[in-house]
N, C-alpha and C. Protein backbone atom coordinates (compact mmCIF):
# COMPACT_ATOMS: atom_id res chain seq x y z
N MET A 1 22.34 -8.57 -6.29
CA MET A 1 20.95 -8.64 -5.86
C MET A 1 20.64 -10.07 -5.43
N THR A 2 19.91 -10.23 -4.34
CA THR A 2 19.63 -11.57 -3.85
C THR A 2 18.17 -11.98 -4.01
N GLY A 3 17.38 -11.19 -4.68
CA GLY A 3 15.97 -11.52 -4.88
C GLY A 3 15.33 -10.51 -5.79
N PRO A 4 14.02 -10.65 -6.00
CA PRO A 4 13.33 -9.73 -6.89
C PRO A 4 13.12 -8.36 -6.26
N GLU A 5 12.92 -7.37 -7.10
CA GLU A 5 12.46 -6.07 -6.65
C GLU A 5 10.96 -6.18 -6.39
N LEU A 6 10.47 -5.32 -5.50
CA LEU A 6 9.04 -5.22 -5.27
C LEU A 6 8.63 -3.77 -5.44
N TRP A 7 7.77 -3.53 -6.42
CA TRP A 7 7.23 -2.20 -6.67
C TRP A 7 5.88 -2.10 -5.97
N LEU A 8 5.63 -0.97 -5.34
CA LEU A 8 4.38 -0.72 -4.64
C LEU A 8 3.70 0.49 -5.25
N VAL A 9 2.42 0.37 -5.56
CA VAL A 9 1.63 1.49 -6.07
C VAL A 9 0.44 1.69 -5.14
N ARG A 10 0.35 2.87 -4.55
CA ARG A 10 -0.82 3.20 -3.76
C ARG A 10 -1.89 3.75 -4.70
N HIS A 11 -3.12 3.39 -4.42
CA HIS A 11 -4.25 3.82 -5.25
C HIS A 11 -4.35 5.34 -5.32
N GLY A 12 -5.10 5.83 -6.30
CA GLY A 12 -5.36 7.26 -6.45
C GLY A 12 -6.27 7.79 -5.35
N GLU A 13 -6.42 9.09 -5.34
CA GLU A 13 -7.22 9.78 -4.33
C GLU A 13 -8.69 9.34 -4.34
N THR A 14 -9.24 9.18 -3.15
CA THR A 14 -10.68 9.02 -2.95
C THR A 14 -11.15 10.20 -2.09
N GLU A 15 -12.44 10.38 -1.96
CA GLU A 15 -12.92 11.45 -1.07
C GLU A 15 -12.44 11.21 0.36
N TRP A 16 -12.45 9.95 0.78
CA TRP A 16 -12.05 9.66 2.15
C TRP A 16 -10.55 9.84 2.35
N SER A 17 -9.73 9.42 1.39
CA SER A 17 -8.28 9.62 1.57
C SER A 17 -7.95 11.11 1.55
N ARG A 18 -8.64 11.85 0.69
CA ARG A 18 -8.43 13.30 0.62
C ARG A 18 -8.76 13.97 1.96
N ASP A 19 -9.81 13.46 2.63
CA ASP A 19 -10.27 14.06 3.89
C ASP A 19 -9.61 13.45 5.13
N GLY A 20 -8.68 12.51 4.95
CA GLY A 20 -7.97 11.92 6.07
C GLY A 20 -8.78 10.91 6.87
N ARG A 21 -9.84 10.37 6.26
CA ARG A 21 -10.68 9.39 6.95
C ARG A 21 -10.11 7.99 6.75
N HIS A 22 -10.07 7.21 7.81
CA HIS A 22 -9.58 5.84 7.72
C HIS A 22 -10.50 5.04 6.80
N THR A 23 -9.92 4.53 5.72
CA THR A 23 -10.69 3.83 4.70
C THR A 23 -10.14 2.42 4.57
N GLY A 24 -10.76 1.50 5.27
CA GLY A 24 -10.32 0.11 5.20
C GLY A 24 -11.19 -0.69 4.26
N ARG A 25 -12.22 -1.29 4.79
CA ARG A 25 -13.09 -2.20 4.02
C ARG A 25 -14.15 -1.46 3.20
N THR A 26 -14.41 -0.19 3.49
CA THR A 26 -15.41 0.56 2.72
C THR A 26 -14.89 0.73 1.30
N ASP A 27 -15.70 0.34 0.34
CA ASP A 27 -15.24 0.28 -1.05
C ASP A 27 -15.59 1.58 -1.78
N VAL A 28 -14.82 2.62 -1.51
CA VAL A 28 -15.08 3.94 -2.10
C VAL A 28 -14.35 4.09 -3.44
N PRO A 29 -14.94 4.84 -4.37
CA PRO A 29 -14.32 5.02 -5.69
C PRO A 29 -13.27 6.13 -5.67
N LEU A 30 -12.50 6.18 -6.74
CA LEU A 30 -11.55 7.27 -6.94
C LEU A 30 -12.30 8.55 -7.26
N THR A 31 -11.73 9.68 -6.89
CA THR A 31 -12.24 10.97 -7.34
C THR A 31 -11.74 11.20 -8.77
N PRO A 32 -12.29 12.18 -9.49
CA PRO A 32 -11.72 12.50 -10.80
C PRO A 32 -10.22 12.83 -10.73
N ALA A 33 -9.80 13.53 -9.67
CA ALA A 33 -8.37 13.81 -9.51
C ALA A 33 -7.59 12.51 -9.28
N GLY A 34 -8.18 11.58 -8.54
CA GLY A 34 -7.55 10.28 -8.31
C GLY A 34 -7.42 9.48 -9.59
N GLU A 35 -8.43 9.57 -10.46
CA GLU A 35 -8.36 8.89 -11.76
C GLU A 35 -7.24 9.48 -12.62
N ASP A 36 -7.14 10.81 -12.64
CA ASP A 36 -6.07 11.46 -13.41
C ASP A 36 -4.69 11.07 -12.88
N ALA A 37 -4.57 11.04 -11.55
CA ALA A 37 -3.28 10.67 -10.96
C ALA A 37 -2.92 9.22 -11.28
N ALA A 38 -3.93 8.34 -11.28
CA ALA A 38 -3.68 6.94 -11.64
C ALA A 38 -3.19 6.84 -13.08
N ARG A 39 -3.81 7.59 -13.98
CA ARG A 39 -3.36 7.59 -15.39
C ARG A 39 -1.93 8.10 -15.50
N SER A 40 -1.55 9.04 -14.63
CA SER A 40 -0.20 9.62 -14.69
C SER A 40 0.88 8.60 -14.36
N LEU A 41 0.50 7.47 -13.78
CA LEU A 41 1.48 6.43 -13.44
C LEU A 41 1.87 5.59 -14.66
N ARG A 42 1.08 5.66 -15.74
CA ARG A 42 1.33 4.82 -16.92
C ARG A 42 2.76 4.87 -17.43
N PRO A 43 3.31 6.06 -17.70
CA PRO A 43 4.68 6.09 -18.27
C PRO A 43 5.71 5.43 -17.36
N ARG A 44 5.55 5.62 -16.06
CA ARG A 44 6.51 5.06 -15.11
C ARG A 44 6.44 3.53 -15.09
N LEU A 45 5.22 2.98 -15.22
CA LEU A 45 5.04 1.54 -15.13
C LEU A 45 5.16 0.82 -16.47
N ALA A 46 4.89 1.52 -17.57
CA ALA A 46 4.87 0.89 -18.90
C ALA A 46 6.24 0.35 -19.31
N ALA A 47 7.28 0.98 -18.85
CA ALA A 47 8.63 0.59 -19.27
C ALA A 47 9.20 -0.54 -18.42
N VAL A 48 8.41 -1.07 -17.50
CA VAL A 48 8.91 -2.07 -16.55
C VAL A 48 8.17 -3.38 -16.76
N ALA A 49 8.91 -4.48 -16.80
CA ALA A 49 8.31 -5.82 -16.92
C ALA A 49 8.18 -6.43 -15.53
N PHE A 50 6.98 -6.89 -15.21
CA PHE A 50 6.70 -7.53 -13.93
C PHE A 50 6.37 -8.99 -14.18
N ASP A 51 6.94 -9.88 -13.35
CA ASP A 51 6.59 -11.29 -13.50
C ASP A 51 5.57 -11.75 -12.46
N LEU A 52 5.17 -10.85 -11.56
CA LEU A 52 4.08 -11.09 -10.62
C LEU A 52 3.41 -9.76 -10.36
N VAL A 53 2.08 -9.70 -10.55
CA VAL A 53 1.33 -8.48 -10.31
C VAL A 53 0.14 -8.83 -9.41
N LEU A 54 0.12 -8.22 -8.23
CA LEU A 54 -0.95 -8.45 -7.26
C LEU A 54 -1.69 -7.14 -7.02
N CYS A 55 -2.97 -7.27 -6.68
CA CYS A 55 -3.79 -6.08 -6.46
C CYS A 55 -4.83 -6.37 -5.39
N SER A 56 -5.08 -5.40 -4.55
CA SER A 56 -6.20 -5.47 -3.62
C SER A 56 -7.48 -5.58 -4.43
N PRO A 57 -8.47 -6.32 -3.93
CA PRO A 57 -9.73 -6.42 -4.66
C PRO A 57 -10.65 -5.21 -4.51
N LEU A 58 -10.29 -4.23 -3.69
CA LEU A 58 -11.15 -3.06 -3.51
C LEU A 58 -11.07 -2.15 -4.73
N GLN A 59 -12.21 -1.53 -5.08
CA GLN A 59 -12.30 -0.81 -6.35
C GLN A 59 -11.31 0.35 -6.49
N ARG A 60 -10.92 0.99 -5.41
CA ARG A 60 -9.96 2.09 -5.56
C ARG A 60 -8.60 1.58 -6.03
N ALA A 61 -8.27 0.35 -5.66
CA ALA A 61 -7.01 -0.26 -6.13
C ALA A 61 -7.18 -0.82 -7.54
N THR A 62 -8.27 -1.54 -7.79
CA THR A 62 -8.45 -2.14 -9.13
C THR A 62 -8.62 -1.05 -10.18
N ALA A 63 -9.31 0.03 -9.85
CA ALA A 63 -9.45 1.14 -10.81
C ALA A 63 -8.10 1.79 -11.09
N THR A 64 -7.28 1.93 -10.06
CA THR A 64 -5.94 2.49 -10.25
C THR A 64 -5.12 1.59 -11.16
N ALA A 65 -5.19 0.28 -10.93
CA ALA A 65 -4.46 -0.66 -11.78
C ALA A 65 -4.93 -0.56 -13.23
N THR A 66 -6.22 -0.47 -13.43
CA THR A 66 -6.77 -0.36 -14.79
C THR A 66 -6.34 0.94 -15.46
N LEU A 67 -6.48 2.05 -14.75
CA LEU A 67 -6.14 3.35 -15.33
C LEU A 67 -4.63 3.51 -15.57
N ALA A 68 -3.83 2.86 -14.75
CA ALA A 68 -2.37 2.90 -14.92
C ALA A 68 -1.90 1.86 -15.94
N GLU A 69 -2.86 1.08 -16.47
CA GLU A 69 -2.60 0.03 -17.46
C GLU A 69 -1.61 -1.01 -16.94
N VAL A 70 -1.83 -1.41 -15.69
CA VAL A 70 -1.05 -2.49 -15.08
C VAL A 70 -1.47 -3.80 -15.75
N PRO A 71 -0.53 -4.62 -16.17
CA PRO A 71 -0.88 -5.86 -16.87
C PRO A 71 -1.49 -6.92 -15.96
N THR A 72 -2.70 -7.31 -16.22
CA THR A 72 -3.41 -8.43 -15.61
C THR A 72 -3.07 -8.72 -14.16
N PRO A 73 -3.51 -7.86 -13.24
CA PRO A 73 -3.21 -8.13 -11.84
C PRO A 73 -4.05 -9.28 -11.28
N GLU A 74 -3.45 -10.01 -10.37
CA GLU A 74 -4.16 -11.05 -9.64
C GLU A 74 -4.67 -10.44 -8.33
N LEU A 75 -5.96 -10.58 -8.06
CA LEU A 75 -6.52 -10.03 -6.83
C LEU A 75 -6.06 -10.87 -5.65
N ASP A 76 -5.62 -10.20 -4.59
CA ASP A 76 -5.09 -10.88 -3.41
C ASP A 76 -5.63 -10.18 -2.17
N ASP A 77 -6.40 -10.91 -1.36
CA ASP A 77 -6.98 -10.34 -0.14
C ASP A 77 -5.92 -9.84 0.84
N ASP A 78 -4.73 -10.39 0.80
CA ASP A 78 -3.68 -9.91 1.71
C ASP A 78 -3.27 -8.47 1.39
N ALA A 79 -3.57 -7.98 0.19
CA ALA A 79 -3.23 -6.61 -0.20
C ALA A 79 -4.33 -5.61 0.17
N ARG A 80 -5.42 -6.08 0.80
CA ARG A 80 -6.47 -5.17 1.25
C ARG A 80 -5.91 -4.23 2.32
N GLU A 81 -6.60 -3.11 2.49
CA GLU A 81 -6.19 -2.16 3.52
C GLU A 81 -6.49 -2.70 4.91
N TRP A 82 -5.84 -2.12 5.90
CA TRP A 82 -6.06 -2.41 7.31
C TRP A 82 -7.56 -2.34 7.58
N ASP A 83 -8.10 -3.28 8.32
CA ASP A 83 -9.51 -3.23 8.73
C ASP A 83 -9.58 -2.36 9.98
N TYR A 84 -10.17 -1.16 9.83
CA TYR A 84 -10.20 -0.18 10.92
C TYR A 84 -11.34 -0.40 11.90
N GLY A 85 -12.19 -1.38 11.66
CA GLY A 85 -13.25 -1.70 12.60
C GLY A 85 -14.08 -0.48 12.98
N ASP A 86 -14.16 -0.19 14.30
CA ASP A 86 -14.97 0.92 14.80
C ASP A 86 -14.44 2.28 14.35
N TYR A 87 -13.20 2.34 13.86
CA TYR A 87 -12.62 3.61 13.43
C TYR A 87 -12.76 3.84 11.92
N GLU A 88 -13.47 2.96 11.24
CA GLU A 88 -13.71 3.12 9.80
C GLU A 88 -14.41 4.45 9.53
N GLY A 89 -13.87 5.23 8.62
CA GLY A 89 -14.47 6.50 8.22
C GLY A 89 -14.18 7.66 9.15
N ILE A 90 -13.39 7.44 10.18
CA ILE A 90 -13.10 8.47 11.18
C ILE A 90 -11.66 8.94 11.00
N THR A 91 -11.40 10.21 11.25
CA THR A 91 -10.04 10.74 11.14
C THR A 91 -9.26 10.47 12.42
N THR A 92 -7.95 10.49 12.32
CA THR A 92 -7.10 10.33 13.50
C THR A 92 -7.35 11.46 14.49
N ALA A 93 -7.53 12.68 14.01
CA ALA A 93 -7.79 13.82 14.91
C ALA A 93 -9.04 13.58 15.74
N ARG A 94 -10.07 13.04 15.13
CA ARG A 94 -11.31 12.76 15.87
C ARG A 94 -11.10 11.65 16.90
N ILE A 95 -10.35 10.61 16.53
CA ILE A 95 -10.05 9.53 17.48
C ILE A 95 -9.27 10.09 18.67
N HIS A 96 -8.34 11.00 18.40
CA HIS A 96 -7.51 11.58 19.47
C HIS A 96 -8.32 12.45 20.43
N GLU A 97 -9.51 12.88 20.04
CA GLU A 97 -10.36 13.64 20.96
C GLU A 97 -10.76 12.78 22.17
N THR A 98 -10.93 11.48 21.96
CA THR A 98 -11.31 10.59 23.06
C THR A 98 -10.15 9.72 23.54
N ASP A 99 -9.14 9.54 22.70
CA ASP A 99 -7.99 8.71 23.07
C ASP A 99 -6.72 9.37 22.52
N PRO A 100 -6.22 10.38 23.24
CA PRO A 100 -5.10 11.18 22.72
C PRO A 100 -3.82 10.40 22.46
N GLN A 101 -3.63 9.26 23.10
CA GLN A 101 -2.40 8.49 22.94
C GLN A 101 -2.51 7.40 21.88
N TRP A 102 -3.67 7.27 21.23
CA TRP A 102 -3.89 6.17 20.30
C TRP A 102 -2.95 6.25 19.10
N SER A 103 -2.41 5.09 18.73
CA SER A 103 -1.60 4.95 17.52
C SER A 103 -2.04 3.68 16.79
N LEU A 104 -2.41 3.82 15.55
CA LEU A 104 -2.79 2.66 14.75
C LEU A 104 -1.68 1.62 14.78
N TRP A 105 -0.44 2.08 14.68
CA TRP A 105 0.71 1.20 14.49
C TRP A 105 1.02 0.33 15.69
N THR A 106 0.61 0.76 16.88
CA THR A 106 0.88 -0.03 18.09
C THR A 106 -0.39 -0.53 18.76
N ASP A 107 -1.52 0.16 18.55
CA ASP A 107 -2.76 -0.18 19.26
C ASP A 107 -3.77 -0.92 18.40
N GLY A 108 -3.66 -0.82 17.08
CA GLY A 108 -4.68 -1.41 16.23
C GLY A 108 -6.00 -0.68 16.40
N THR A 109 -7.10 -1.35 16.12
CA THR A 109 -8.41 -0.70 16.20
C THR A 109 -9.43 -1.60 16.88
N PRO A 110 -10.32 -1.00 17.67
CA PRO A 110 -11.37 -1.80 18.28
C PRO A 110 -12.31 -2.33 17.19
N GLY A 111 -12.59 -3.61 17.24
CA GLY A 111 -13.47 -4.22 16.24
C GLY A 111 -12.81 -4.44 14.90
N GLY A 112 -11.52 -4.14 14.79
CA GLY A 112 -10.80 -4.30 13.52
C GLY A 112 -9.51 -5.08 13.73
N GLU A 113 -8.56 -4.85 12.85
CA GLU A 113 -7.30 -5.60 12.91
C GLU A 113 -6.31 -4.97 13.88
N GLN A 114 -5.49 -5.84 14.42
CA GLN A 114 -4.40 -5.42 15.30
C GLN A 114 -3.10 -5.44 14.49
N PRO A 115 -2.06 -4.76 14.96
CA PRO A 115 -0.80 -4.72 14.21
C PRO A 115 -0.27 -6.09 13.81
N ASP A 116 -0.36 -7.08 14.70
CA ASP A 116 0.13 -8.41 14.36
C ASP A 116 -0.65 -9.05 13.22
N ASP A 117 -1.97 -8.75 13.14
CA ASP A 117 -2.80 -9.27 12.05
C ASP A 117 -2.31 -8.73 10.71
N VAL A 118 -2.09 -7.42 10.66
CA VAL A 118 -1.66 -6.78 9.42
C VAL A 118 -0.23 -7.19 9.10
N GLY A 119 0.60 -7.31 10.12
CA GLY A 119 1.97 -7.79 9.91
C GLY A 119 2.00 -9.17 9.30
N ALA A 120 1.10 -10.05 9.73
CA ALA A 120 1.04 -11.41 9.16
C ALA A 120 0.65 -11.37 7.69
N ARG A 121 -0.30 -10.50 7.33
CA ARG A 121 -0.67 -10.37 5.91
C ARG A 121 0.50 -9.83 5.09
N ALA A 122 1.19 -8.83 5.64
CA ALA A 122 2.35 -8.25 4.93
C ALA A 122 3.45 -9.30 4.78
N ASP A 123 3.67 -10.10 5.81
CA ASP A 123 4.69 -11.15 5.74
C ASP A 123 4.35 -12.16 4.64
N ARG A 124 3.06 -12.49 4.50
CA ARG A 124 2.67 -13.43 3.43
C ARG A 124 2.92 -12.82 2.05
N LEU A 125 2.63 -11.52 1.90
CA LEU A 125 2.89 -10.87 0.62
C LEU A 125 4.38 -10.87 0.30
N VAL A 126 5.20 -10.51 1.28
CA VAL A 126 6.65 -10.48 1.07
C VAL A 126 7.17 -11.88 0.74
N ALA A 127 6.72 -12.87 1.47
CA ALA A 127 7.16 -14.25 1.20
C ALA A 127 6.74 -14.70 -0.19
N ARG A 128 5.52 -14.35 -0.58
CA ARG A 128 5.05 -14.73 -1.91
C ARG A 128 5.91 -14.10 -3.00
N VAL A 129 6.20 -12.82 -2.86
CA VAL A 129 7.03 -12.13 -3.85
C VAL A 129 8.41 -12.77 -3.90
N ARG A 130 9.01 -12.99 -2.76
CA ARG A 130 10.38 -13.53 -2.73
C ARG A 130 10.46 -14.96 -3.25
N SER A 131 9.37 -15.73 -3.13
CA SER A 131 9.41 -17.12 -3.58
C SER A 131 8.87 -17.31 -5.00
N THR A 132 8.11 -16.35 -5.51
CA THR A 132 7.43 -16.52 -6.80
C THR A 132 8.03 -15.66 -7.91
N ALA A 133 8.33 -14.41 -7.62
CA ALA A 133 8.83 -13.50 -8.65
C ALA A 133 10.32 -13.78 -8.89
N SER A 134 10.71 -13.74 -10.14
CA SER A 134 12.12 -13.95 -10.43
C SER A 134 12.89 -12.64 -10.54
N THR A 135 12.28 -11.60 -11.09
CA THR A 135 12.99 -10.34 -11.24
C THR A 135 12.28 -9.16 -10.59
N ARG A 136 10.94 -9.06 -10.80
CA ARG A 136 10.25 -7.86 -10.35
C ARG A 136 8.77 -8.16 -10.13
N ALA A 137 8.24 -7.70 -9.01
CA ALA A 137 6.82 -7.86 -8.69
C ALA A 137 6.22 -6.48 -8.44
N LEU A 138 4.89 -6.42 -8.53
CA LEU A 138 4.15 -5.18 -8.30
C LEU A 138 2.95 -5.50 -7.43
N ILE A 139 2.71 -4.65 -6.43
CA ILE A 139 1.48 -4.73 -5.64
C ILE A 139 0.79 -3.38 -5.74
N VAL A 140 -0.47 -3.38 -6.16
CA VAL A 140 -1.31 -2.18 -6.17
C VAL A 140 -2.22 -2.29 -4.96
N GLY A 141 -2.10 -1.34 -4.04
CA GLY A 141 -2.86 -1.46 -2.81
C GLY A 141 -3.11 -0.13 -2.14
N HIS A 142 -2.95 -0.13 -0.82
CA HIS A 142 -3.41 0.97 0.03
C HIS A 142 -2.29 1.46 0.93
N GLY A 143 -2.46 2.67 1.45
CA GLY A 143 -1.42 3.33 2.21
C GLY A 143 -0.86 2.56 3.39
N HIS A 144 -1.72 2.10 4.28
CA HIS A 144 -1.19 1.47 5.50
C HIS A 144 -0.65 0.08 5.24
N ILE A 145 -1.34 -0.75 4.48
CA ILE A 145 -0.81 -2.09 4.23
C ILE A 145 0.51 -2.03 3.46
N LEU A 146 0.61 -1.11 2.49
CA LEU A 146 1.87 -1.02 1.73
C LEU A 146 3.01 -0.50 2.61
N ARG A 147 2.70 0.37 3.54
CA ARG A 147 3.73 0.83 4.47
C ARG A 147 4.22 -0.32 5.34
N VAL A 148 3.29 -1.18 5.76
CA VAL A 148 3.68 -2.34 6.57
C VAL A 148 4.49 -3.32 5.72
N VAL A 149 4.10 -3.52 4.46
CA VAL A 149 4.88 -4.39 3.57
C VAL A 149 6.32 -3.87 3.48
N ALA A 150 6.48 -2.57 3.30
CA ALA A 150 7.83 -2.00 3.21
C ALA A 150 8.61 -2.21 4.51
N ALA A 151 7.96 -1.97 5.63
CA ALA A 151 8.63 -2.16 6.92
C ALA A 151 9.08 -3.61 7.08
N ARG A 152 8.20 -4.54 6.75
CA ARG A 152 8.54 -5.96 6.89
C ARG A 152 9.64 -6.37 5.89
N TRP A 153 9.62 -5.79 4.70
CA TRP A 153 10.64 -6.08 3.69
C TRP A 153 12.04 -5.82 4.24
N ILE A 154 12.17 -4.71 4.99
CA ILE A 154 13.49 -4.33 5.51
C ILE A 154 13.70 -4.79 6.95
N GLY A 155 12.81 -5.64 7.45
CA GLY A 155 13.01 -6.26 8.75
C GLY A 155 12.55 -5.47 9.95
N LEU A 156 11.68 -4.48 9.75
CA LEU A 156 11.17 -3.70 10.86
C LEU A 156 9.85 -4.27 11.38
N ALA A 157 9.53 -3.95 12.62
CA ALA A 157 8.22 -4.28 13.19
C ALA A 157 7.16 -3.42 12.50
N VAL A 158 5.91 -3.80 12.65
CA VAL A 158 4.80 -3.04 12.05
C VAL A 158 4.88 -1.57 12.45
N ALA A 159 5.24 -1.29 13.70
CA ALA A 159 5.32 0.09 14.17
C ALA A 159 6.30 0.93 13.37
N GLY A 160 7.29 0.31 12.75
CA GLY A 160 8.24 1.04 11.91
C GLY A 160 7.59 1.69 10.70
N ALA A 161 6.45 1.17 10.28
CA ALA A 161 5.74 1.73 9.13
C ALA A 161 5.23 3.14 9.39
N ALA A 162 5.10 3.51 10.66
CA ALA A 162 4.66 4.86 11.00
C ALA A 162 5.61 5.91 10.44
N ARG A 163 6.84 5.54 10.20
CA ARG A 163 7.86 6.49 9.71
C ARG A 163 7.91 6.61 8.19
N LEU A 164 7.00 5.90 7.50
CA LEU A 164 7.02 5.87 6.04
C LEU A 164 5.76 6.51 5.47
N ARG A 165 5.78 7.79 5.24
CA ARG A 165 4.64 8.47 4.64
C ARG A 165 4.45 7.94 3.23
N LEU A 166 3.18 7.72 2.86
CA LEU A 166 2.89 7.21 1.52
C LEU A 166 1.66 7.91 0.97
N ASP A 167 1.86 8.77 -0.01
CA ASP A 167 0.77 9.53 -0.62
C ASP A 167 0.03 8.69 -1.65
N THR A 168 -1.15 9.17 -2.05
CA THR A 168 -1.92 8.48 -3.08
C THR A 168 -1.22 8.60 -4.43
N ALA A 169 -1.48 7.60 -5.28
CA ALA A 169 -0.96 7.56 -6.65
C ALA A 169 0.56 7.76 -6.70
N THR A 170 1.24 6.97 -5.90
CA THR A 170 2.71 7.02 -5.88
C THR A 170 3.29 5.64 -6.14
N VAL A 171 4.55 5.66 -6.53
CA VAL A 171 5.30 4.43 -6.79
C VAL A 171 6.47 4.38 -5.81
N SER A 172 6.66 3.21 -5.21
CA SER A 172 7.81 2.97 -4.35
C SER A 172 8.46 1.67 -4.79
N VAL A 173 9.75 1.54 -4.55
CA VAL A 173 10.47 0.34 -4.97
C VAL A 173 11.29 -0.19 -3.81
N LEU A 174 11.12 -1.48 -3.56
CA LEU A 174 11.90 -2.19 -2.54
C LEU A 174 12.86 -3.11 -3.27
N GLY A 175 14.07 -3.17 -2.79
CA GLY A 175 15.06 -3.99 -3.49
C GLY A 175 16.14 -4.47 -2.56
N TRP A 176 17.36 -4.48 -3.08
CA TRP A 176 18.49 -5.08 -2.37
C TRP A 176 19.74 -4.24 -2.55
N GLU A 177 20.54 -4.17 -1.50
CA GLU A 177 21.91 -3.70 -1.61
C GLU A 177 22.77 -4.85 -1.10
N ARG A 178 23.41 -5.49 -2.04
CA ARG A 178 24.10 -6.75 -1.78
C ARG A 178 23.09 -7.74 -1.20
N ALA A 179 23.26 -8.21 -0.01
CA ALA A 179 22.32 -9.19 0.56
C ALA A 179 21.32 -8.56 1.53
N THR A 180 21.28 -7.23 1.58
CA THR A 180 20.41 -6.54 2.52
C THR A 180 19.19 -5.97 1.81
N ALA A 181 18.01 -6.30 2.33
CA ALA A 181 16.77 -5.73 1.78
C ALA A 181 16.70 -4.25 2.12
N VAL A 182 16.39 -3.42 1.13
CA VAL A 182 16.40 -1.96 1.30
C VAL A 182 15.19 -1.34 0.60
N ILE A 183 14.94 -0.09 0.95
CA ILE A 183 13.98 0.73 0.21
C ILE A 183 14.80 1.49 -0.82
N THR A 184 14.54 1.22 -2.09
CA THR A 184 15.31 1.82 -3.17
C THR A 184 14.77 3.20 -3.56
N ARG A 185 13.45 3.31 -3.60
CA ARG A 185 12.77 4.54 -3.98
C ARG A 185 11.48 4.60 -3.18
N TRP A 186 11.10 5.79 -2.71
CA TRP A 186 9.91 5.85 -1.87
C TRP A 186 9.04 7.05 -2.21
N ASN A 187 7.72 6.78 -2.34
CA ASN A 187 6.68 7.82 -2.40
C ASN A 187 6.87 8.78 -3.58
N THR A 188 7.20 8.25 -4.75
CA THR A 188 7.41 9.10 -5.92
C THR A 188 6.13 9.19 -6.74
N PRO A 189 5.67 10.39 -7.04
CA PRO A 189 4.45 10.55 -7.83
C PRO A 189 4.69 10.26 -9.30
N GLY A 190 3.59 10.03 -10.01
CA GLY A 190 3.67 9.80 -11.45
C GLY A 190 3.80 11.10 -12.22
N TYR A 191 3.60 12.21 -11.53
CA TYR A 191 3.67 13.53 -12.17
C TYR A 191 4.18 14.52 -11.14
N ASP A 192 4.54 15.71 -11.59
CA ASP A 192 5.03 16.74 -10.66
C ASP A 192 3.86 17.33 -9.90
N ARG A 193 4.00 17.42 -8.58
CA ARG A 193 2.95 18.00 -7.74
C ARG A 193 3.30 19.41 -7.38
């Protein structure tokens, strides 16, 4: 292994995530099902020691960290979700009604962040983990930013994140195979679905 592992936890379900609405800066709470799913992550995370724990400051992420009993996360704005600008609260299907070719991963959002903006935040998170954590780090965050973090970890462009589905209340692990950064485990729930 040539560096620390990076564990990623996506927050539990919210009404907007359940309904497929782009949820960036809007600070929506977890649903009761999302709270239960966050609690289900406890056994998976309790047995693991982290020397760096970062969390998005948005309540759906901080509540997930609390319910999963994540040890003392440091809030980090770079772990916030993609800023969807004019597309905040709107589903991809609705966006495609007026722009059928639109892709978040290549086009970004009007009035919000562009792929390079999110890629720069993901790069800072990856660099921080690789320079600060000695064995294992954890980021509690959101679907799109965590997908970009994973893509950047393995050397892909932001658009590569489109190929990495990430459900709510899941754990993923990024690591190493010899000197190559790899995805070790992806999109695993805390309980059987």
